[in-house]
Amino acid sequence: MKNFTQKDIKTLFSGLCCSMCKNEFDINSIKIIKRDCDILLCSLSCAKCGKDFGEVVFNFNRKAHHHNPLEVVEGPPPIDYDDVINAHKFIKDNL
């Protein structure tokens, strides 16, 4: 399997952009760190402003004729003061 092409990047990242400068990702935004068959560990950063998005894992089958664009998956809401107080109380009472 070869590296990503600009067409691959355009397809995969068609619905995403840099959260800092709103620039589109391109071939210079992604660097393959490690490859194991179709599993790729990559480093993602914005080629324009340099924002580092960390490492991403792709299951990328080069033989497939169609790849779906990536989507943003929202995580849980951030913790708040009540969560911290509840955790403190739990630790104090149970440990």
PDB file of N, CA and C in Angstrom:
ATOM      1  N   MET A   1       0.837  -1.177   0.000  1.00  0.00           N
ATOM      2  CA  MET A   1       0.000   0.000   0.000  1.00  0.00           C
ATOM      3  C   MET A   1       0.876   1.231   0.000  1.00  0.00           C
ATOM      4  N   LYS A   2       0.516   2.182  -0.806  1.00  0.00           N
ATOM      5  CA  LYS A   2       1.292   3.412  -0.899  1.00  0.00           C
ATOM      6  C   LYS A   2       0.737   4.470   0.036  1.00  0.00           C
ATOM      7  N   ASN A   3       1.372   5.630   0.055  1.00  0.00           N
ATOM      8  CA  ASN A   3       0.912   6.747   0.875  1.00  0.00           C
ATOM      9  C   ASN A   3      -0.400   7.294   0.353  1.00  0.00           C
ATOM     10  N   PHE A   4      -1.018   8.157   1.149  1.00  0.00           N
ATOM     11  CA  PHE A   4      -2.236   8.831   0.734  1.00  0.00           C
ATOM     12  C   PHE A   4      -1.961   9.703  -0.489  1.00  0.00           C
ATOM     13  N   THR A   5      -2.965   9.881  -1.309  1.00  0.00           N
ATOM     14  CA  THR A   5      -2.879  10.827  -2.421  1.00  0.00           C
ATOM     15  C   THR A   5      -3.687  12.059  -2.050  1.00  0.00           C
ATOM     16  N   GLN A   6      -3.528  13.128  -2.819  1.00  0.00           N
ATOM     17  CA  GLN A   6      -4.312  14.340  -2.565  1.00  0.00           C
ATOM     18  C   GLN A   6      -5.803  14.034  -2.718  1.00  0.00           C
ATOM     19  N   LYS A   7      -6.155  13.150  -3.653  1.00  0.00           N
ATOM     20  CA  LYS A   7      -7.559  12.773  -3.851  1.00  0.00           C
ATOM     21  C   LYS A   7      -8.099  12.059  -2.611  1.00  0.00           C
ATOM     22  N   ASP A   8      -7.294  11.169  -2.010  1.00  0.00           N
ATOM     23  CA  ASP A   8      -7.699  10.484  -0.782  1.00  0.00           C
ATOM     24  C   ASP A   8      -7.978  11.487   0.331  1.00  0.00           C
ATOM     25  N   ILE A   9      -7.061  12.427   0.505  1.00  0.00           N
ATOM     26  CA  ILE A   9      -7.209  13.438   1.551  1.00  0.00           C
ATOM     27  C   ILE A   9      -8.452  14.282   1.303  1.00  0.00           C
ATOM     28  N   LYS A  10      -8.661  14.683   0.056  1.00  0.00           N
ATOM     29  CA  LYS A  10      -9.820  15.508  -0.286  1.00  0.00           C
ATOM     30  C   LYS A  10     -11.121  14.772   0.032  1.00  0.00           C
ATOM     31  N   THR A  11     -11.166  13.471  -0.256  1.00  0.00           N
ATOM     32  CA  THR A  11     -12.363  12.682   0.030  1.00  0.00           C
ATOM     33  C   THR A  11     -12.562  12.501   1.529  1.00  0.00           C
ATOM     34  N   LEU A  12     -11.527  12.048   2.219  1.00  0.00           N
ATOM     35  CA  LEU A  12     -11.642  11.764   3.645  1.00  0.00           C
ATOM     36  C   LEU A  12     -11.958  13.004   4.474  1.00  0.00           C
ATOM     37  N   PHE A  13     -11.342  14.133   4.143  1.00  0.00           N
ATOM     38  CA  PHE A  13     -11.479  15.344   4.943  1.00  0.00           C
ATOM     39  C   PHE A  13     -12.419  16.368   4.318  1.00  0.00           C
ATOM     40  N   SER A  14     -13.293  15.947   3.407  1.00  0.00           N
ATOM     41  CA  SER A  14     -14.165  16.894   2.706  1.00  0.00           C
ATOM     42  C   SER A  14     -15.089  17.662   3.651  1.00  0.00           C
ATOM     43  N   GLY A  15     -15.478  17.062   4.771  1.00  0.00           N
ATOM     44  CA  GLY A  15     -16.373  17.742   5.700  1.00  0.00           C
ATOM     45  C   GLY A  15     -15.673  18.353   6.889  1.00  0.00           C
ATOM     46  N   LEU A  16     -14.349  18.344   6.902  1.00  0.00           N
ATOM     47  CA  LEU A  16     -13.591  18.836   8.049  1.00  0.00           C
ATOM     48  C   LEU A  16     -12.617  19.926   7.642  1.00  0.00           C
ATOM     49  N   CYS A  17     -12.284  20.790   8.591  1.00  0.00           N
ATOM     50  CA  CYS A  17     -11.269  21.820   8.354  1.00  0.00           C
ATOM     51  C   CYS A  17     -10.554  22.092   9.677  1.00  0.00           C
ATOM     52  N   CYS A  18      -9.497  22.864   9.628  1.00  0.00           N
ATOM     53  CA  CYS A  18      -8.759  23.237  10.832  1.00  0.00           C
ATOM     54  C   CYS A  18      -9.668  24.057  11.740  1.00  0.00           C
ATOM     55  N   SER A  19      -9.723  23.701  13.012  1.00  0.00           N
ATOM     56  CA  SER A  19     -10.579  24.420  13.957  1.00  0.00           C
ATOM     57  C   SER A  19     -10.017  25.790  14.303  1.00  0.00           C
ATOM     58  N   MET A  20      -8.742  26.039  14.003  1.00  0.00           N
ATOM     59  CA  MET A  20      -8.138  27.323  14.329  1.00  0.00           C
ATOM     60  C   MET A  20      -8.251  28.317  13.165  1.00  0.00           C
ATOM     61  N   CYS A  21      -7.813  27.904  11.973  1.00  0.00           N
ATOM     62  CA  CYS A  21      -7.760  28.862  10.860  1.00  0.00           C
ATOM     63  C   CYS A  21      -8.769  28.555   9.746  1.00  0.00           C
ATOM     64  N   LYS A  22      -9.519  27.449   9.898  1.00  0.00           N
ATOM     65  CA  LYS A  22     -10.554  27.038   8.923  1.00  0.00           C
ATOM     66  C   LYS A  22      -9.974  26.630   7.574  1.00  0.00           C
ATOM     67  N   ASN A  23      -8.682  26.385   7.505  1.00  0.00           N
ATOM     68  CA  ASN A  23      -8.045  25.933   6.277  1.00  0.00           C
ATOM     69  C   ASN A  23      -8.398  24.467   6.038  1.00  0.00           C
ATOM     70  N   GLU A  24      -8.498  24.065   4.768  1.00  0.00           N
ATOM     71  CA  GLU A  24      -8.744  22.669   4.432  1.00  0.00           C
ATOM     72  C   GLU A  24      -7.461  21.869   4.617  1.00  0.00           C
ATOM     73  N   PHE A  25      -7.604  20.591   4.979  1.00  0.00           N
ATOM     74  CA  PHE A  25      -6.447  19.715   5.092  1.00  0.00           C
ATOM     75  C   PHE A  25      -6.001  19.292   3.703  1.00  0.00           C
ATOM     76  N   ASP A  26      -4.682  19.124   3.547  1.00  0.00           N
ATOM     77  CA  ASP A  26      -4.152  18.671   2.267  1.00  0.00           C
ATOM     78  C   ASP A  26      -3.105  17.596   2.508  1.00  0.00           C
ATOM     79  N   ILE A  27      -2.435  17.192   1.467  1.00  0.00           N
ATOM     80  CA  ILE A  27      -1.460  16.109   1.535  1.00  0.00           C
ATOM     81  C   ILE A  27      -0.325  16.426   2.522  1.00  0.00           C
ATOM     82  N   ASN A  28      -0.033  17.692   2.753  1.00  0.00           N
ATOM     83  CA  ASN A  28       1.019  18.093   3.694  1.00  0.00           C
ATOM     84  C   ASN A  28       0.548  18.087   5.141  1.00  0.00           C
ATOM     85  N   SER A  29      -0.749  17.868   5.360  1.00  0.00           N
ATOM     86  CA  SER A  29      -1.316  17.886   6.705  1.00  0.00           C
ATOM     87  C   SER A  29      -1.176  16.556   7.424  1.00  0.00           C
ATOM     88  N   ILE A  30      -0.957  15.489   6.685  1.00  0.00           N
ATOM     89  CA  ILE A  30      -0.944  14.167   7.287  1.00  0.00           C
ATOM     90  C   ILE A  30       0.370  13.451   6.990  1.00  0.00           C
ATOM     91  N   LYS A  31       0.943  12.887   8.037  1.00  0.00           N
ATOM     92  CA  LYS A  31       2.192  12.136   7.921  1.00  0.00           C
ATOM     93  C   LYS A  31       1.959  10.741   8.481  1.00  0.00           C
ATOM     94  N   ILE A  32       2.296   9.716   7.716  1.00  0.00           N
ATOM     95  CA  ILE A  32       2.144   8.341   8.174  1.00  0.00           C
ATOM     96  C   ILE A  32       3.308   8.011   9.099  1.00  0.00           C
ATOM     97  N   ILE A  33       2.988   7.619  10.336  1.00  0.00           N
ATOM     98  CA  ILE A  33       3.989   7.269  11.336  1.00  0.00           C
ATOM     99  C   ILE A  33       4.289   5.775  11.286  1.00  0.00           C
ATOM    100  N   LYS A  34       3.220   4.975  11.225  1.00  0.00           N
ATOM    101  CA  LYS A  34       3.376   3.524  11.241  1.00  0.00           C
ATOM    102  C   LYS A  34       2.284   2.897  10.398  1.00  0.00           C
ATOM    103  N   ARG A  35       2.603   1.787   9.772  1.00  0.00           N
ATOM    104  CA  ARG A  35       1.652   1.099   8.900  1.00  0.00           C
ATOM    105  C   ARG A  35       1.661  -0.386   9.236  1.00  0.00           C
ATOM    106  N   ASP A  36       0.469  -0.971   9.372  1.00  0.00           N
ATOM    107  CA  ASP A  36       0.324  -2.410   9.572  1.00  0.00           C
ATOM    108  C   ASP A  36      -0.835  -2.858   8.700  1.00  0.00           C
ATOM    109  N   CYS A  37      -0.511  -3.350   7.513  1.00  0.00           N
ATOM    110  CA  CYS A  37      -1.499  -3.705   6.477  1.00  0.00           C
ATOM    111  C   CYS A  37      -2.340  -2.471   6.156  1.00  0.00           C
ATOM    112  N   ASP A  38      -3.651  -2.518   6.426  1.00  0.00           N
ATOM    113  CA  ASP A  38      -4.524  -1.386   6.115  1.00  0.00           C
ATOM    114  C   ASP A  38      -4.679  -0.406   7.282  1.00  0.00           C
ATOM    115  N   ILE A  39      -4.065  -0.697   8.419  1.00  0.00           N
ATOM    116  CA  ILE A  39      -4.152   0.173   9.589  1.00  0.00           C
ATOM    117  C   ILE A  39      -2.985   1.161   9.548  1.00  0.00           C
ATOM    118  N   LEU A  40      -3.318   2.443   9.568  1.00  0.00           N
ATOM    119  CA  LEU A  40      -2.302   3.492   9.512  1.00  0.00           C
ATOM    120  C   LEU A  40      -2.378   4.368  10.757  1.00  0.00           C
ATOM    121  N   LEU A  41      -1.251   4.576  11.397  1.00  0.00           N
ATOM    122  CA  LEU A  41      -1.141   5.542  12.486  1.00  0.00           C
ATOM    123  C   LEU A  41      -0.519   6.784  11.874  1.00  0.00           C
ATOM    124  N   CYS A  42      -1.245   7.898  11.948  1.00  0.00           N
ATOM    125  CA  CYS A  42      -0.813   9.124  11.275  1.00  0.00           C
ATOM    126  C   CYS A  42      -0.806  10.298  12.241  1.00  0.00           C
ATOM    127  N   SER A  43      -0.009  11.276  11.908  1.00  0.00           N
ATOM    128  CA  SER A  43       0.030  12.548  12.620  1.00  0.00           C
ATOM    129  C   SER A  43      -0.705  13.570  11.757  1.00  0.00           C
ATOM    130  N   LEU A  44      -1.646  14.301  12.365  1.00  0.00           N
ATOM    131  CA  LEU A  44      -2.442  15.280  11.625  1.00  0.00           C
ATOM    132  C   LEU A  44      -2.175  16.677  12.160  1.00  0.00           C
ATOM    133  N   SER A  45      -1.836  17.597  11.261  1.00  0.00           N
ATOM    134  CA  SER A  45      -1.624  18.989  11.638  1.00  0.00           C
ATOM    135  C   SER A  45      -2.060  19.880  10.479  1.00  0.00           C
ATOM    136  N   CYS A  46      -2.325  21.125  10.772  1.00  0.00           N
ATOM    137  CA  CYS A  46      -2.722  22.071   9.730  1.00  0.00           C
ATOM    138  C   CYS A  46      -1.461  22.573   9.020  1.00  0.00           C
ATOM    139  N   ALA A  47      -1.450  22.444   7.710  1.00  0.00           N
ATOM    140  CA  ALA A  47      -0.285  22.882   6.931  1.00  0.00           C
ATOM    141  C   ALA A  47      -0.175  24.404   6.899  1.00  0.00           C
ATOM    142  N   LYS A  48      -1.282  25.110   7.169  1.00  0.00           N
ATOM    143  CA  LYS A  48      -1.262  26.573   7.105  1.00  0.00           C
ATOM    144  C   LYS A  48      -0.838  27.207   8.433  1.00  0.00           C
ATOM    145  N   CYS A  49      -1.548  26.866   9.531  1.00  0.00           N
ATOM    146  CA  CYS A  49      -1.254  27.530  10.811  1.00  0.00           C
ATOM    147  C   CYS A  49      -0.401  26.679  11.752  1.00  0.00           C
ATOM    148  N   GLY A  50      -0.248  25.377  11.454  1.00  0.00           N
ATOM    149  CA  GLY A  50       0.598  24.511  12.264  1.00  0.00           C
ATOM    150  C   GLY A  50      -0.079  23.859  13.452  1.00  0.00           C
ATOM    151  N   LYS A  51      -1.395  24.073  13.642  1.00  0.00           N
ATOM    152  CA  LYS A  51      -2.092  23.458  14.780  1.00  0.00           C
ATOM    153  C   LYS A  51      -1.946  21.943  14.698  1.00  0.00           C
ATOM    154  N   ASP A  52      -1.542  21.345  15.828  1.00  0.00           N
ATOM    155  CA  ASP A  52      -1.327  19.904  15.905  1.00  0.00           C
ATOM    156  C   ASP A  52      -2.595  19.237  16.418  1.00  0.00           C
ATOM    157  N   PHE A  53      -3.129  18.291  15.656  1.00  0.00           N
ATOM    158  CA  PHE A  53      -4.324  17.560  16.054  1.00  0.00           C
ATOM    159  C   PHE A  53      -3.993  16.192  16.629  1.00  0.00           C
ATOM    160  N   GLY A  54      -2.724  15.908  16.810  1.00  0.00           N
ATOM    161  CA  GLY A  54      -2.301  14.651  17.411  1.00  0.00           C
ATOM    162  C   GLY A  54      -2.283  13.510  16.414  1.00  0.00           C
ATOM    163  N   GLU A  55      -2.402  12.319  16.954  1.00  0.00           N
ATOM    164  CA  GLU A  55      -2.342  11.127  16.117  1.00  0.00           C
ATOM    165  C   GLU A  55      -3.741  10.602  15.836  1.00  0.00           C
ATOM    166  N   VAL A  56      -3.936  10.106  14.627  1.00  0.00           N
ATOM    167  CA  VAL A  56      -5.203   9.518  14.208  1.00  0.00           C
ATOM    168  C   VAL A  56      -4.920   8.135  13.626  1.00  0.00           C
ATOM    169  N   VAL A  57      -5.887   7.245  13.760  1.00  0.00           N
ATOM    170  CA  VAL A  57      -5.753   5.886  13.245  1.00  0.00           C
ATOM    171  C   VAL A  57      -6.756   5.706  12.115  1.00  0.00           C
ATOM    172  N   PHE A  58      -6.285   5.215  10.995  1.00  0.00           N
ATOM    173  CA  PHE A  58      -7.130   4.951   9.830  1.00  0.00           C
ATOM    174  C   PHE A  58      -7.126   3.468   9.522  1.00  0.00           C
ATOM    175  N   ASN A  59      -8.292   2.931   9.168  1.00  0.00           N
ATOM    176  CA  ASN A  59      -8.394   1.616   8.557  1.00  0.00           C
ATOM    177  C   ASN A  59      -8.665   1.922   7.093  1.00  0.00           C
ATOM    178  N   PHE A  60      -7.624   1.999   6.300  1.00  0.00           N
ATOM    179  CA  PHE A  60      -7.705   2.526   4.944  1.00  0.00           C
ATOM    180  C   PHE A  60      -7.358   1.438   3.942  1.00  0.00           C
ATOM    181  N   ASN A  61      -8.372   0.945   3.242  1.00  0.00           N
ATOM    182  CA  ASN A  61      -8.191  -0.107   2.249  1.00  0.00           C
ATOM    183  C   ASN A  61      -8.020   0.523   0.881  1.00  0.00           C
ATOM    184  N   ARG A  62      -6.818   0.482   0.360  1.00  0.00           N
ATOM    185  CA  ARG A  62      -6.503   1.090  -0.932  1.00  0.00           C
ATOM    186  C   ARG A  62      -7.292   0.430  -2.066  1.00  0.00           C
ATOM    187  N   LYS A  63      -7.683  -0.840  -1.906  1.00  0.00           N
ATOM    188  CA  LYS A  63      -8.407  -1.550  -2.961  1.00  0.00           C
ATOM    189  C   LYS A  63      -9.873  -1.155  -3.047  1.00  0.00           C
ATOM    190  N   ALA A  64     -10.416  -0.527  -2.010  1.00  0.00           N
ATOM    191  CA  ALA A  64     -11.819  -0.107  -2.023  1.00  0.00           C
ATOM    192  C   ALA A  64     -12.026   0.983  -3.067  1.00  0.00           C
ATOM    193  N   HIS A  65     -13.168   0.945  -3.718  1.00  0.00           N
ATOM    194  CA  HIS A  65     -13.462   1.924  -4.762  1.00  0.00           C
ATOM    195  C   HIS A  65     -14.041   3.217  -4.196  1.00  0.00           C
ATOM    196  N   HIS A  66     -14.571   3.161  -2.977  1.00  0.00           N
ATOM    197  CA  HIS A  66     -15.214   4.340  -2.395  1.00  0.00           C
ATOM    198  C   HIS A  66     -14.881   4.414  -0.905  1.00  0.00           C
ATOM    199  N   HIS A  67     -14.493   5.595  -0.459  1.00  0.00           N
ATOM    200  CA  HIS A  67     -14.260   5.855   0.963  1.00  0.00           C
ATOM    201  C   HIS A  67     -15.212   6.944   1.409  1.00  0.00           C
ATOM    202  N   ASN A  68     -15.818   6.753   2.568  1.00  0.00           N
ATOM    203  CA  ASN A  68     -16.718   7.763   3.109  1.00  0.00           C
ATOM    204  C   ASN A  68     -15.922   8.870   3.788  1.00  0.00           C
ATOM    205  N   PRO A  69     -16.413  10.110   3.688  1.00  0.00           N
ATOM    206  CA  PRO A  69     -15.734  11.213   4.386  1.00  0.00           C
ATOM    207  C   PRO A  69     -15.771  10.994   5.899  1.00  0.00           C
ATOM    208  N   LEU A  70     -14.758  11.496   6.578  1.00  0.00           N
ATOM    209  CA  LEU A  70     -14.701  11.421   8.032  1.00  0.00           C
ATOM    210  C   LEU A  70     -15.728  12.366   8.636  1.00  0.00           C
ATOM    211  N   GLU A  71     -16.191  12.042   9.831  1.00  0.00           N
ATOM    212  CA  GLU A  71     -17.150  12.879  10.538  1.00  0.00           C
ATOM    213  C   GLU A  71     -16.604  13.201  11.920  1.00  0.00           C
ATOM    214  N   VAL A  72     -17.005  14.336  12.446  1.00  0.00           N
ATOM    215  CA  VAL A  72     -16.620  14.706  13.805  1.00  0.00           C
ATOM    216  C   VAL A  72     -17.501  13.923  14.768  1.00  0.00           C
ATOM    217  N   VAL A  73     -16.864  13.269  15.738  1.00  0.00           N
ATOM    218  CA  VAL A  73     -17.594  12.539  16.762  1.00  0.00           C
ATOM    219  C   VAL A  73     -17.460  13.341  18.047  1.00  0.00           C
ATOM    220  N   GLU A  74     -18.584  13.803  18.541  1.00  0.00           N
ATOM    221  CA  GLU A  74     -18.567  14.609  19.761  1.00  0.00           C
ATOM    222  C   GLU A  74     -18.354  13.720  20.972  1.00  0.00           C
ATOM    223  N   GLY A  75     -17.523  14.153  21.861  1.00  0.00           N
ATOM    224  CA  GLY A  75     -17.258  13.419  23.092  1.00  0.00           C
ATOM    225  C   GLY A  75     -18.242  13.841  24.175  1.00  0.00           C
ATOM    226  N   PRO A  76     -18.037  13.346  25.380  1.00  0.00           N
ATOM    227  CA  PRO A  76     -18.918  13.723  26.482  1.00  0.00           C
ATOM    228  C   PRO A  76     -18.709  15.189  26.853  1.00  0.00           C
ATOM    229  N   PRO A  77     -19.680  15.778  27.551  1.00  0.00           N
ATOM    230  CA  PRO A  77     -19.506  17.179  27.964  1.00  0.00           C
ATOM    231  C   PRO A  77     -18.352  17.287  28.958  1.00  0.00           C
ATOM    232  N   PRO A  78     -17.703  18.454  29.030  1.00  0.00           N
ATOM    233  CA  PRO A  78     -16.592  18.623  29.977  1.00  0.00           C
ATOM    234  C   PRO A  78     -17.091  18.509  31.418  1.00  0.00           C
ATOM    235  N   ILE A  79     -16.185  18.125  32.314  1.00  0.00           N
ATOM    236  CA  ILE A  79     -16.582  18.024  33.722  1.00  0.00           C
ATOM    237  C   ILE A  79     -16.817  19.415  34.293  1.00  0.00           C
ATOM    238  N   ASP A  80     -17.665  19.477  35.293  1.00  0.00           N
ATOM    239  CA  ASP A  80     -17.944  20.770  35.930  1.00  0.00           C
ATOM    240  C   ASP A  80     -17.618  20.669  37.423  1.00  0.00           C
ATOM    241  N   TYR A  81     -17.896  21.742  38.160  1.00  0.00           N
ATOM    242  CA  TYR A  81     -17.558  21.789  39.580  1.00  0.00           C
ATOM    243  C   TYR A  81     -18.244  20.674  40.362  1.00  0.00           C
ATOM    244  N   ASP A  82     -19.507  20.410  40.049  1.00  0.00           N
ATOM    245  CA  ASP A  82     -20.246  19.370  40.763  1.00  0.00           C
ATOM    246  C   ASP A  82     -19.599  17.996  40.569  1.00  0.00           C
ATOM    247  N   ASP A  83     -19.089  17.721  39.365  1.00  0.00           N
ATOM    248  CA  ASP A  83     -18.417  16.448  39.110  1.00  0.00           C
ATOM    249  C   ASP A  83     -17.176  16.306  39.993  1.00  0.00           C
ATOM    250  N   VAL A  84     -16.423  17.375  40.142  1.00  0.00           N
ATOM    251  CA  VAL A  84     -15.219  17.346  40.963  1.00  0.00           C
ATOM    252  C   VAL A  84     -15.574  17.136  42.432  1.00  0.00           C
ATOM    253  N   ILE A  85     -16.586  17.833  42.901  1.00  0.00           N
ATOM    254  CA  ILE A  85     -17.018  17.693  44.301  1.00  0.00           C
ATOM    255  C   ILE A  85     -17.524  16.282  44.554  1.00  0.00           C
ATOM    256  N   ASN A  86     -18.323  15.745  43.621  1.00  0.00           N
ATOM    257  CA  ASN A  86     -18.833  14.382  43.779  1.00  0.00           C
ATOM    258  C   ASN A  86     -17.694  13.360  43.781  1.00  0.00           C
ATOM    259  N   ALA A  87     -16.704  13.542  42.934  1.00  0.00           N
ATOM    260  CA  ALA A  87     -15.565  12.628  42.892  1.00  0.00           C
ATOM    261  C   ALA A  87     -14.782  12.708  44.206  1.00  0.00           C
ATOM    262  N   HIS A  88     -14.572  13.919  44.696  1.00  0.00           N
ATOM    263  CA  HIS A  88     -13.852  14.101  45.963  1.00  0.00           C
ATOM    264  C   HIS A  88     -14.599  13.398  47.098  1.00  0.00           C
ATOM    265  N   LYS A  89     -15.906  13.595  47.153  1.00  0.00           N
ATOM    266  CA  LYS A  89     -16.727  12.968  48.198  1.00  0.00           C
ATOM    267  C   LYS A  89     -16.662  11.450  48.089  1.00  0.00           C
ATOM    268  N   PHE A  90     -16.758  10.917  46.882  1.00  0.00           N
ATOM    269  CA  PHE A  90     -16.692   9.473  46.678  1.00  0.00           C
ATOM    270  C   PHE A  90     -15.352   8.922  47.145  1.00  0.00           C
ATOM    271  N   ILE A  91     -14.267   9.570  46.782  1.00  0.00           N
ATOM    272  CA  ILE A  91     -12.941   9.098  47.186  1.00  0.00           C
ATOM    273  C   ILE A  91     -12.779   9.177  48.695  1.00  0.00           C
ATOM    274  N   LYS A  92     -13.227  10.264  49.296  1.00  0.00           N
ATOM    275  CA  LYS A  92     -13.115  10.454  50.746  1.00  0.00           C
ATOM    276  C   LYS A  92     -13.915   9.393  51.492  1.00  0.00           C
ATOM    277  N   ASP A  93     -15.119   9.070  51.012  1.00  0.00           N
ATOM    278  CA  ASP A  93     -15.990   8.129  51.706  1.00  0.00           C
ATOM    279  C   ASP A  93     -15.632   6.650  51.447  1.00  0.00           C
ATOM    280  N   ASN A  94     -15.015   6.379  50.315  1.00  0.00           N
ATOM    281  CA  ASN A  94     -14.802   4.974  49.938  1.00  0.00           C
ATOM    282  C   ASN A  94     -13.364   4.514  49.938  1.00  0.00           C
ATOM    283  N   LEU A  95     -12.417   5.387  50.075  1.00  0.00           N
ATOM    284  CA  LEU A  95     -11.024   4.944  50.042  1.00  0.00           C
ATOM    285  C   LEU A  95     -10.275   5.264  51.300  1.00  0.00           C
TER     286      LEU A  95
END
